[in-house]
């Protein structure tokens, strides 16, 4: 269980560094005196987002094999990357 916890932590932590969510949170923190409010709100949003992802994946994998989901997710990331490089997004 601890291995899954640490792996999940590091994957999400690294993925979130420097992304638009973190940048938006930093911007919001500069515009308010309630940095703890920003921190708590952003933390709860990330927890809720993770909960939705875990619950959705539990349901979806009963309908669609995980290998198909991995292929679809990988393909979506590649397409988004290409569109980003071409300045289409």
C-alpha atoms as a PDB file:
ATOM      1  CA  UNK A   1       0.000   0.000   0.000  1.00  0.00           C
ATOM      2  CA  UNK A   2       2.792   2.484   0.865  1.00  0.00           C
ATOM      3  CA  UNK A   3       4.429   1.912  -2.503  1.00  0.00           C
ATOM      4  CA  UNK A   4       1.187   2.923  -4.260  1.00  0.00           C
ATOM      5  CA  UNK A   5       0.848   6.001  -2.022  1.00  0.00           C
ATOM      6  CA  UNK A   6       4.401   7.177  -2.702  1.00  0.00           C
ATOM      7  CA  UNK A   7       4.163   6.411  -6.417  1.00  0.00           C
ATOM      8  CA  UNK A   8       0.868   8.289  -6.729  1.00  0.00           C
ATOM      9  CA  UNK A   9       2.263  11.213  -4.753  1.00  0.00           C
ATOM     10  CA  UNK A  10       5.364  11.609  -6.905  1.00  0.00           C
ATOM     11  CA  UNK A  11       3.534  11.156 -10.205  1.00  0.00           C
ATOM     12  CA  UNK A  12       0.958  13.814  -9.335  1.00  0.00           C
ATOM     13  CA  UNK A  13       3.518  16.110  -7.704  1.00  0.00           C
ATOM     14  CA  UNK A  14       5.851  16.077 -10.715  1.00  0.00           C
ATOM     15  CA  UNK A  15       2.959  16.357 -13.201  1.00  0.00           C
ATOM     16  CA  UNK A  16       1.527  19.395 -11.406  1.00  0.00           C
ATOM     17  CA  UNK A  17       4.789  21.353 -11.161  1.00  0.00           C
ATOM     18  CA  UNK A  18       4.698  24.303 -13.509  1.00  0.00           C
ATOM     19  CA  UNK A  19       1.386  23.394 -15.120  1.00  0.00           C
ATOM     20  CA  UNK A  20      -1.399  25.885 -15.716  1.00  0.00           C
ATOM     21  CA  UNK A  21      -3.144  24.956 -12.456  1.00  0.00           C
ATOM     22  CA  UNK A  22      -0.083  25.774 -10.385  1.00  0.00           C
ATOM     23  CA  UNK A  23       0.513  28.997 -12.298  1.00  0.00           C
ATOM     24  CA  UNK A  24      -3.120  30.028 -11.825  1.00  0.00           C
ATOM     25  CA  UNK A  25      -2.882  29.248  -8.102  1.00  0.00           C
ATOM     26  CA  UNK A  26       0.267  31.365  -7.851  1.00  0.00           C
ATOM     27  CA  UNK A  27      -1.487  34.230  -9.641  1.00  0.00           C
ATOM     28  CA  UNK A  28      -4.500  33.986  -7.350  1.00  0.00           C
ATOM     29  CA  UNK A  29      -2.233  33.979  -4.284  1.00  0.00           C
ATOM     30  CA  UNK A  30      -0.588  37.212  -5.438  1.00  0.00           C
ATOM     31  CA  UNK A  31      -4.002  38.885  -5.737  1.00  0.00           C
ATOM     32  CA  UNK A  32      -5.261  38.157  -2.242  1.00  0.00           C
ATOM     33  CA  UNK A  33      -4.132  38.490   1.339  1.00  0.00           C
ATOM     34  CA  UNK A  34      -5.678  35.132   2.179  1.00  0.00           C
ATOM     35  CA  UNK A  35      -2.934  32.800   0.961  1.00  0.00           C
ATOM     36  CA  UNK A  36      -4.163  30.067   3.304  1.00  0.00           C
ATOM     37  CA  UNK A  37      -7.593  30.338   1.700  1.00  0.00           C
ATOM     38  CA  UNK A  38      -5.998  29.867  -1.716  1.00  0.00           C
ATOM     39  CA  UNK A  39      -3.956  26.937  -0.425  1.00  0.00           C
ATOM     40  CA  UNK A  40      -6.956  25.214   1.180  1.00  0.00           C
ATOM     41  CA  UNK A  41      -9.199  25.823  -1.829  1.00  0.00           C
ATOM     42  CA  UNK A  42      -6.594  24.586  -4.313  1.00  0.00           C
ATOM     43  CA  UNK A  43      -5.815  21.550  -2.133  1.00  0.00           C
ATOM     44  CA  UNK A  44      -9.473  20.588  -1.847  1.00  0.00           C
ATOM     45  CA  UNK A  45      -9.894  21.006  -5.610  1.00  0.00           C
ATOM     46  CA  UNK A  46      -6.961  18.655  -6.265  1.00  0.00           C
ATOM     47  CA  UNK A  47      -8.300  16.110  -3.764  1.00  0.00           C
ATOM     48  CA  UNK A  48     -11.784  16.226  -5.330  1.00  0.00           C
ATOM     49  CA  UNK A  49     -10.309  15.946  -8.812  1.00  0.00           C
ATOM     50  CA  UNK A  50      -8.273  12.905  -7.751  1.00  0.00           C
ATOM     51  CA  UNK A  51     -11.331  11.326  -6.098  1.00  0.00           C
ATOM     52  CA  UNK A  52     -13.387  11.767  -9.270  1.00  0.00           C
ATOM     53  CA  UNK A  53     -10.561  10.235 -11.308  1.00  0.00           C
ATOM     54  CA  UNK A  54     -10.257   7.214  -9.027  1.00  0.00           C
ATOM     55  CA  UNK A  55     -14.006   6.612  -8.840  1.00  0.00           C
ATOM     56  CA  UNK A  56     -14.489   7.123 -12.581  1.00  0.00           C
ATOM     57  CA  UNK A  57     -11.646   4.758 -13.427  1.00  0.00           C
ATOM     58  CA  UNK A  58     -13.091   2.110 -11.121  1.00  0.00           C
ATOM     59  CA  UNK A  59     -16.380   2.269 -13.010  1.00  0.00           C
ATOM     60  CA  UNK A  60     -14.946   2.711 -16.517  1.00  0.00           C
ATOM     61  CA  UNK A  61     -12.535  -0.240 -16.243  1.00  0.00           C
ATOM     62  CA  UNK A  62     -15.541  -2.503 -15.649  1.00  0.00           C
ATOM     63  CA  UNK A  63     -16.790  -1.508 -19.113  1.00  0.00           C
ATOM     64  CA  UNK A  64     -13.574  -0.930 -21.066  1.00  0.00           C
ATOM     65  CA  UNK A  65     -10.318  -2.921 -20.736  1.00  0.00           C
ATOM     66  CA  UNK A  66      -7.479  -0.912 -19.113  1.00  0.00           C
ATOM     67  CA  UNK A  67      -5.215  -1.484 -22.135  1.00  0.00           C
ATOM     68  CA  UNK A  68      -7.726   0.371 -24.353  1.00  0.00           C
ATOM     69  CA  UNK A  69      -7.890   3.222 -21.860  1.00  0.00           C
ATOM     70  CA  UNK A  70      -4.091   3.468 -21.737  1.00  0.00           C
ATOM     71  CA  UNK A  71      -3.920   3.567 -25.517  1.00  0.00           C
ATOM     72  CA  UNK A  72      -6.650   6.231 -25.705  1.00  0.00           C
ATOM     73  CA  UNK A  73      -5.020   8.365 -23.000  1.00  0.00           C
ATOM     74  CA  UNK A  74      -1.591   8.084 -24.620  1.00  0.00           C
ATOM     75  CA  UNK A  75      -3.028   8.967 -28.016  1.00  0.00           C
ATOM     76  CA  UNK A  76      -4.862  11.969 -26.559  1.00  0.00           C
ATOM     77  CA  UNK A  77      -1.654  13.257 -24.956  1.00  0.00           C
ATOM     78  CA  UNK A  78       0.234  12.869 -28.226  1.00  0.00           C
ATOM     79  CA  UNK A  79      -2.484  14.680 -30.174  1.00  0.00           C
ATOM     80  CA  UNK A  80      -2.636  17.489 -27.618  1.00  0.00           C
ATOM     81  CA  UNK A  81       1.173  17.766 -27.723  1.00  0.00           C
ATOM     82  CA  UNK A  82       1.213  17.993 -31.512  1.00  0.00           C
ATOM     83  CA  UNK A  83      -1.582  20.579 -31.518  1.00  0.00           C
ATOM     84  CA  UNK A  84       0.278  22.571 -28.886  1.00  0.00           C
ATOM     85  CA  UNK A  85       3.485  22.497 -30.940  1.00  0.00           C
ATOM     86  CA  UNK A  86       1.536  23.639 -34.002  1.00  0.00           C
ATOM     87  CA  UNK A  87       0.021  26.472 -31.905  1.00  0.00           C
ATOM     88  CA  UNK A  88      -3.510  25.194 -32.530  1.00  0.00           C
ATOM     89  CA  UNK A  89      -4.446  25.103 -28.834  1.00  0.00           C
END
